[in-house]
Amino acid sequence: MTYDRVANAFYLYLTDEKPQPGGESIPVDPPEGIQAFVVMDWRDGRIVGLEVLDASKRLHPDLLAQAEIIA
């Protein structure tokens, strides 16, 4: 897990490999009435990561505290 405080973006890696160019990123539709931006990264037909923008408003502070701070 990484958290970029400047961009307010959280990334959850679902594999030990960092996402590589050539994968596909697909926005996820949030529940009705919720304004959020979440992206699933896919490679070779598998989900390899999730990115959450506006993370400080969308994720629990405990989760953000566990993430590696990258900026």
PDB file of N, CA and C in Angstrom:
ATOM      1  N   MET A   1       0.845  -1.167   0.000  1.00  0.00           N
ATOM      2  CA  MET A   1       0.000   0.000   0.000  1.00  0.00           C
ATOM      3  C   MET A   1       0.890   1.229   0.000  1.00  0.00           C
ATOM      4  N   THR A   2       0.518   2.207  -0.810  1.00  0.00           N
ATOM      5  CA  THR A   2       1.214   3.483  -0.801  1.00  0.00           C
ATOM      6  C   THR A   2       0.191   4.604  -0.713  1.00  0.00           C
ATOM      7  N   TYR A   3       0.654   5.736  -0.155  1.00  0.00           N
ATOM      8  CA  TYR A   3      -0.205   6.910  -0.055  1.00  0.00           C
ATOM      9  C   TYR A   3       0.616   8.132  -0.430  1.00  0.00           C
ATOM     10  N   ASP A   4       0.142   8.861  -1.420  1.00  0.00           N
ATOM     11  CA  ASP A   4       0.755  10.104  -1.855  1.00  0.00           C
ATOM     12  C   ASP A   4      -0.084  11.232  -1.266  1.00  0.00           C
ATOM     13  N   ARG A   5       0.458  11.895  -0.234  1.00  0.00           N
ATOM     14  CA  ARG A   5      -0.293  12.948   0.450  1.00  0.00           C
ATOM     15  C   ARG A   5      -0.539  14.147  -0.455  1.00  0.00           C
ATOM     16  N   VAL A   6       0.428  14.468  -1.319  1.00  0.00           N
ATOM     17  CA  VAL A   6       0.284  15.623  -2.205  1.00  0.00           C
ATOM     18  C   VAL A   6      -0.874  15.402  -3.179  1.00  0.00           C
ATOM     19  N   ALA A   7      -0.921  14.235  -3.795  1.00  0.00           N
ATOM     20  CA  ALA A   7      -1.997  13.909  -4.742  1.00  0.00           C
ATOM     21  C   ALA A   7      -3.248  13.393  -4.033  1.00  0.00           C
ATOM     22  N   ASN A   8      -3.111  13.081  -2.734  1.00  0.00           N
ATOM     23  CA  ASN A   8      -4.185  12.474  -1.948  1.00  0.00           C
ATOM     24  C   ASN A   8      -4.675  11.200  -2.631  1.00  0.00           C
ATOM     25  N   ALA A   9      -3.696  10.376  -3.051  1.00  0.00           N
ATOM     26  CA  ALA A   9      -3.986   9.141  -3.784  1.00  0.00           C
ATOM     27  C   ALA A   9      -3.407   7.940  -3.034  1.00  0.00           C
ATOM     28  N   PHE A  10      -4.226   6.920  -2.901  1.00  0.00           N
ATOM     29  CA  PHE A  10      -3.846   5.673  -2.230  1.00  0.00           C
ATOM     30  C   PHE A  10      -3.777   4.577  -3.286  1.00  0.00           C
ATOM     31  N   TYR A  11      -2.776   3.703  -3.184  1.00  0.00           N
ATOM     32  CA  TYR A  11      -2.685   2.591  -4.123  1.00  0.00           C
ATOM     33  C   TYR A  11      -2.510   1.301  -3.338  1.00  0.00           C
ATOM     34  N   LEU A  12      -3.333   0.330  -3.670  1.00  0.00           N
ATOM     35  CA  LEU A  12      -3.258  -0.998  -3.062  1.00  0.00           C
ATOM     36  C   LEU A  12      -2.744  -1.971  -4.112  1.00  0.00           C
ATOM     37  N   TYR A  13      -1.569  -2.505  -3.879  1.00  0.00           N
ATOM     38  CA  TYR A  13      -0.972  -3.491  -4.786  1.00  0.00           C
ATOM     39  C   TYR A  13      -1.515  -4.868  -4.434  1.00  0.00           C
ATOM     40  N   LEU A  14      -2.018  -5.585  -5.424  1.00  0.00           N
ATOM     41  CA  LEU A  14      -2.556  -6.926  -5.212  1.00  0.00           C
ATOM     42  C   LEU A  14      -1.600  -7.997  -5.711  1.00  0.00           C
ATOM     43  N   THR A  15      -0.384  -7.582  -6.017  1.00  0.00           N
ATOM     44  CA  THR A  15       0.677  -8.484  -6.448  1.00  0.00           C
ATOM     45  C   THR A  15       1.999  -7.870  -6.003  1.00  0.00           C
ATOM     46  N   ASP A  16       3.035  -8.661  -5.930  1.00  0.00           N
ATOM     47  CA  ASP A  16       4.351  -8.129  -5.559  1.00  0.00           C
ATOM     48  C   ASP A  16       4.975  -7.322  -6.693  1.00  0.00           C
ATOM     49  N   GLU A  17       4.469  -7.499  -7.904  1.00  0.00           N
ATOM     50  CA  GLU A  17       5.009  -6.782  -9.055  1.00  0.00           C
ATOM     51  C   GLU A  17       4.334  -5.427  -9.183  1.00  0.00           C
ATOM     52  N   LYS A  18       5.133  -4.386  -9.409  1.00  0.00           N
ATOM     53  CA  LYS A  18       4.580  -3.057  -9.645  1.00  0.00           C
ATOM     54  C   LYS A  18       3.862  -3.059 -10.992  1.00  0.00           C
ATOM     55  N   PRO A  19       2.778  -2.279 -11.112  1.00  0.00           N
ATOM     56  CA  PRO A  19       2.083  -2.217 -12.399  1.00  0.00           C
ATOM     57  C   PRO A  19       3.024  -1.791 -13.521  1.00  0.00           C
ATOM     58  N   GLN A  20       2.906  -2.430 -14.655  1.00  0.00           N
ATOM     59  CA  GLN A  20       3.750  -2.156 -15.804  1.00  0.00           C
ATOM     60  C   GLN A  20       2.912  -1.530 -16.909  1.00  0.00           C
ATOM     61  N   PRO A  21       3.564  -0.746 -17.767  1.00  0.00           N
ATOM     62  CA  PRO A  21       2.841  -0.242 -18.932  1.00  0.00           C
ATOM     63  C   PRO A  21       2.266  -1.404 -19.739  1.00  0.00           C
ATOM     64  N   GLY A  22       1.145  -1.161 -20.363  1.00  0.00           N
ATOM     65  CA  GLY A  22       0.527  -2.209 -21.162  1.00  0.00           C
ATOM     66  C   GLY A  22      -0.657  -2.851 -20.478  1.00  0.00           C
ATOM     67  N   GLY A  23      -0.844  -2.516 -19.199  1.00  0.00           N
ATOM     68  CA  GLY A  23      -2.022  -3.009 -18.512  1.00  0.00           C
ATOM     69  C   GLY A  23      -3.202  -2.126 -18.853  1.00  0.00           C
ATOM     70  N   GLU A  24      -4.316  -2.423 -18.272  1.00  0.00           N
ATOM     71  CA  GLU A  24      -5.527  -1.659 -18.536  1.00  0.00           C
ATOM     72  C   GLU A  24      -6.049  -1.097 -17.216  1.00  0.00           C
ATOM     73  N   SER A  25      -6.418   0.172 -17.214  1.00  0.00           N
ATOM     74  CA  SER A  25      -6.991   0.812 -16.038  1.00  0.00           C
ATOM     75  C   SER A  25      -8.459   1.113 -16.324  1.00  0.00           C
ATOM     76  N   ILE A  26      -9.319   0.676 -15.408  1.00  0.00           N
ATOM     77  CA  ILE A  26     -10.757   0.832 -15.607  1.00  0.00           C
ATOM     78  C   ILE A  26     -11.357   1.523 -14.385  1.00  0.00           C
ATOM     79  N   PRO A  27     -12.033   2.674 -14.584  1.00  0.00           N
ATOM     80  CA  PRO A  27     -12.713   3.322 -13.459  1.00  0.00           C
ATOM     81  C   PRO A  27     -13.816   2.427 -12.913  1.00  0.00           C
ATOM     82  N   VAL A  28     -14.006   2.471 -11.609  1.00  0.00           N
ATOM     83  CA  VAL A  28     -15.038   1.699 -10.931  1.00  0.00           C
ATOM     84  C   VAL A  28     -16.179   2.647 -10.581  1.00  0.00           C
ATOM     85  N   ASP A  29     -17.402   2.236 -10.856  1.00  0.00           N
ATOM     86  CA  ASP A  29     -18.564   3.059 -10.518  1.00  0.00           C
ATOM     87  C   ASP A  29     -18.830   2.964  -9.017  1.00  0.00           C
ATOM     88  N   PRO A  30     -18.849   4.119  -8.322  1.00  0.00           N
ATOM     89  CA  PRO A  30     -19.169   4.092  -6.885  1.00  0.00           C
ATOM     90  C   PRO A  30     -20.669   3.886  -6.683  1.00  0.00           C
ATOM     91  N   PRO A  31     -21.078   3.608  -5.456  1.00  0.00           N
ATOM     92  CA  PRO A  31     -22.518   3.481  -5.175  1.00  0.00           C
ATOM     93  C   PRO A  31     -23.241   4.791  -5.506  1.00  0.00           C
ATOM     94  N   GLU A  32     -24.500   4.690  -5.801  1.00  0.00           N
ATOM     95  CA  GLU A  32     -25.301   5.863  -6.142  1.00  0.00           C
ATOM     96  C   GLU A  32     -25.233   6.888  -5.008  1.00  0.00           C
ATOM     97  N   GLY A  33     -25.030   8.140  -5.379  1.00  0.00           N
ATOM     98  CA  GLY A  33     -24.973   9.213  -4.400  1.00  0.00           C
ATOM     99  C   GLY A  33     -23.601   9.466  -3.813  1.00  0.00           C
ATOM    100  N   ILE A  34     -22.624   8.633  -4.150  1.00  0.00           N
ATOM    101  CA  ILE A  34     -21.254   8.789  -3.651  1.00  0.00           C
ATOM    102  C   ILE A  34     -20.382   9.312  -4.776  1.00  0.00           C
ATOM    103  N   GLN A  35     -19.663  10.380  -4.506  1.00  0.00           N
ATOM    104  CA  GLN A  35     -18.716  10.898  -5.485  1.00  0.00           C
ATOM    105  C   GLN A  35     -17.327  10.431  -5.096  1.00  0.00           C
ATOM    106  N   ALA A  36     -16.798   9.492  -5.857  1.00  0.00           N
ATOM    107  CA  ALA A  36     -15.478   8.931  -5.578  1.00  0.00           C
ATOM    108  C   ALA A  36     -14.849   8.509  -6.890  1.00  0.00           C
ATOM    109  N   PHE A  37     -13.529   8.444  -6.896  1.00  0.00           N
ATOM    110  CA  PHE A  37     -12.819   7.994  -8.085  1.00  0.00           C
ATOM    111  C   PHE A  37     -11.896   6.848  -7.696  1.00  0.00           C
ATOM    112  N   VAL A  38     -12.243   5.662  -8.147  1.00  0.00           N
ATOM    113  CA  VAL A  38     -11.477   4.454  -7.887  1.00  0.00           C
ATOM    114  C   VAL A  38     -11.175   3.814  -9.231  1.00  0.00           C
ATOM    115  N   VAL A  39      -9.946   3.355  -9.395  1.00  0.00           N
ATOM    116  CA  VAL A  39      -9.522   2.728 -10.643  1.00  0.00           C
ATOM    117  C   VAL A  39      -8.962   1.341 -10.338  1.00  0.00           C
ATOM    118  N   MET A  40      -9.380   0.355 -11.134  1.00  0.00           N
ATOM    119  CA  MET A  40      -8.797  -0.993 -11.053  1.00  0.00           C
ATOM    120  C   MET A  40      -7.777  -1.121 -12.174  1.00  0.00           C
ATOM    121  N   ASP A  41      -6.585  -1.595 -11.829  1.00  0.00           N
ATOM    122  CA  ASP A  41      -5.566  -1.879 -12.831  1.00  0.00           C
ATOM    123  C   ASP A  41      -5.558  -3.376 -13.111  1.00  0.00           C
ATOM    124  N   TRP A  42      -5.601  -3.708 -14.385  1.00  0.00           N
ATOM    125  CA  TRP A  42      -5.648  -5.096 -14.841  1.00  0.00           C
ATOM    126  C   TRP A  42      -4.404  -5.414 -15.664  1.00  0.00           C
ATOM    127  N   ARG A  43      -3.945  -6.655 -15.581  1.00  0.00           N
ATOM    128  CA  ARG A  43      -2.883  -7.147 -16.458  1.00  0.00           C
ATOM    129  C   ARG A  43      -3.112  -8.644 -16.653  1.00  0.00           C
ATOM    130  N   ASP A  44      -3.085  -9.047 -17.890  1.00  0.00           N
ATOM    131  CA  ASP A  44      -3.259 -10.463 -18.248  1.00  0.00           C
ATOM    132  C   ASP A  44      -4.544 -11.054 -17.666  1.00  0.00           C
ATOM    133  N   GLY A  45      -5.622 -10.240 -17.680  1.00  0.00           N
ATOM    134  CA  GLY A  45      -6.918 -10.734 -17.221  1.00  0.00           C
ATOM    135  C   GLY A  45      -7.079 -10.798 -15.716  1.00  0.00           C
ATOM    136  N   ARG A  46      -6.151 -10.189 -14.976  1.00  0.00           N
ATOM    137  CA  ARG A  46      -6.222 -10.233 -13.510  1.00  0.00           C
ATOM    138  C   ARG A  46      -6.125  -8.826 -12.941  1.00  0.00           C
ATOM    139  N   ILE A  47      -6.821  -8.590 -11.828  1.00  0.00           N
ATOM    140  CA  ILE A  47      -6.713  -7.307 -11.145  1.00  0.00           C
ATOM    141  C   ILE A  47      -5.386  -7.286 -10.398  1.00  0.00           C
ATOM    142  N   VAL A  48      -4.574  -6.252 -10.651  1.00  0.00           N
ATOM    143  CA  VAL A  48      -3.254  -6.166 -10.011  1.00  0.00           C
ATOM    144  C   VAL A  48      -3.158  -5.013  -9.024  1.00  0.00           C
ATOM    145  N   GLY A  49      -4.135  -4.106  -9.034  1.00  0.00           N
ATOM    146  CA  GLY A  49      -4.074  -3.006  -8.088  1.00  0.00           C
ATOM    147  C   GLY A  49      -5.310  -2.134  -8.130  1.00  0.00           C
ATOM    148  N   LEU A  50      -5.462  -1.347  -7.074  1.00  0.00           N
ATOM    149  CA  LEU A  50      -6.577  -0.414  -6.960  1.00  0.00           C
ATOM    150  C   LEU A  50      -6.039   0.949  -6.554  1.00  0.00           C
ATOM    151  N   GLU A  51      -6.507   1.991  -7.211  1.00  0.00           N
ATOM    152  CA  GLU A  51      -6.121   3.348  -6.851  1.00  0.00           C
ATOM    153  C   GLU A  51      -7.365   4.103  -6.398  1.00  0.00           C
ATOM    154  N   VAL A  52      -7.224   4.838  -5.294  1.00  0.00           N
ATOM    155  CA  VAL A  52      -8.324   5.634  -4.758  1.00  0.00           C
ATOM    156  C   VAL A  52      -7.857   7.086  -4.681  1.00  0.00           C
ATOM    157  N   LEU A  53      -8.542   7.963  -5.406  1.00  0.00           N
ATOM    158  CA  LEU A  53      -8.251   9.391  -5.329  1.00  0.00           C
ATOM    159  C   LEU A  53      -9.144  10.021  -4.264  1.00  0.00           C
ATOM    160  N   ASP A  54      -8.711  11.167  -3.737  1.00  0.00           N
ATOM    161  CA  ASP A  54      -9.399  11.824  -2.629  1.00  0.00           C
ATOM    162  C   ASP A  54      -9.441  10.857  -1.444  1.00  0.00           C
ATOM    163  N   ALA A  55      -8.315  10.162  -1.281  1.00  0.00           N
ATOM    164  CA  ALA A  55      -8.228   9.042  -0.342  1.00  0.00           C
ATOM    165  C   ALA A  55      -8.510   9.432   1.104  1.00  0.00           C
ATOM    166  N   SER A  56      -8.102  10.625   1.519  1.00  0.00           N
ATOM    167  CA  SER A  56      -8.307  11.003   2.920  1.00  0.00           C
ATOM    168  C   SER A  56      -9.785  11.117   3.273  1.00  0.00           C
ATOM    169  N   LYS A  57     -10.641  11.315   2.280  1.00  0.00           N
ATOM    170  CA  LYS A  57     -12.089  11.376   2.526  1.00  0.00           C
ATOM    171  C   LYS A  57     -12.768  10.034   2.303  1.00  0.00           C
ATOM    172  N   ARG A  58     -12.130   9.130   1.574  1.00  0.00           N
ATOM    173  CA  ARG A  58     -12.774   7.871   1.184  1.00  0.00           C
ATOM    174  C   ARG A  58     -12.306   6.650   1.977  1.00  0.00           C
ATOM    175  N   LEU A  59     -11.142   6.757   2.614  1.00  0.00           N
ATOM    176  CA  LEU A  59     -10.583   5.595   3.323  1.00  0.00           C
ATOM    177  C   LEU A  59     -10.413   5.900   4.808  1.00  0.00           C
ATOM    178  N   HIS A  60     -10.447   4.864   5.604  1.00  0.00           N
ATOM    179  CA  HIS A  60     -10.285   5.019   7.050  1.00  0.00           C
ATOM    180  C   HIS A  60      -8.855   5.477   7.356  1.00  0.00           C
ATOM    181  N   PRO A  61      -8.694   6.404   8.305  1.00  0.00           N
ATOM    182  CA  PRO A  61      -7.354   6.891   8.649  1.00  0.00           C
ATOM    183  C   PRO A  61      -6.381   5.786   9.075  1.00  0.00           C
ATOM    184  N   ASP A  62      -6.883   4.729   9.701  1.00  0.00           N
ATOM    185  CA  ASP A  62      -6.018   3.613  10.103  1.00  0.00           C
ATOM    186  C   ASP A  62      -5.352   2.966   8.891  1.00  0.00           C
ATOM    187  N   LEU A  63      -6.099   2.842   7.803  1.00  0.00           N
ATOM    188  CA  LEU A  63      -5.544   2.249   6.585  1.00  0.00           C
ATOM    189  C   LEU A  63      -4.483   3.168   5.995  1.00  0.00           C
ATOM    190  N   LEU A  64      -4.759   4.454   5.926  1.00  0.00           N
ATOM    191  CA  LEU A  64      -3.780   5.391   5.399  1.00  0.00           C
ATOM    192  C   LEU A  64      -2.512   5.411   6.240  1.00  0.00           C
ATOM    193  N   ALA A  65      -2.653   5.269   7.544  1.00  0.00           N
ATOM    194  CA  ALA A  65      -1.497   5.270   8.449  1.00  0.00           C
ATOM    195  C   ALA A  65      -0.590   4.064   8.212  1.00  0.00           C
ATOM    196  N   GLN A  66      -1.135   2.982   7.712  1.00  0.00           N
ATOM    197  CA  GLN A  66      -0.345   1.770   7.451  1.00  0.00           C
ATOM    198  C   GLN A  66       0.381   1.812   6.121  1.00  0.00           C
ATOM    199  N   ALA A  67      -0.033   2.703   5.245  1.00  0.00           N
ATOM    200  CA  ALA A  67       0.536   2.761   3.902  1.00  0.00           C
ATOM    201  C   ALA A  67       1.923   3.410   3.920  1.00  0.00           C
ATOM    202  N   GLU A  68       2.734   3.034   2.955  1.00  0.00           N
ATOM    203  CA  GLU A  68       4.025   3.683   2.757  1.00  0.00           C
ATOM    204  C   GLU A  68       3.761   5.073   2.171  1.00  0.00           C
ATOM    205  N   ILE A  69       4.290   6.091   2.815  1.00  0.00           N
ATOM    206  CA  ILE A  69       4.107   7.470   2.341  1.00  0.00           C
ATOM    207  C   ILE A  69       5.129   7.721   1.227  1.00  0.00           C
ATOM    208  N   ILE A  70       4.643   8.130   0.056  1.00  0.00           N
ATOM    209  CA  ILE A  70       5.566   8.342  -1.053  1.00  0.00           C
ATOM    210  C   ILE A  70       5.711   9.811  -1.424  1.00  0.00           C
ATOM    211  N   ALA A  71       4.901  10.694  -0.879  1.00  0.00           N
ATOM    212  CA  ALA A  71       5.058  12.140  -1.114  1.00  0.00           C
ATOM    213  C   ALA A  71       4.256  12.899  -0.089  1.00  0.00           C
TER     214      ALA A  71
END
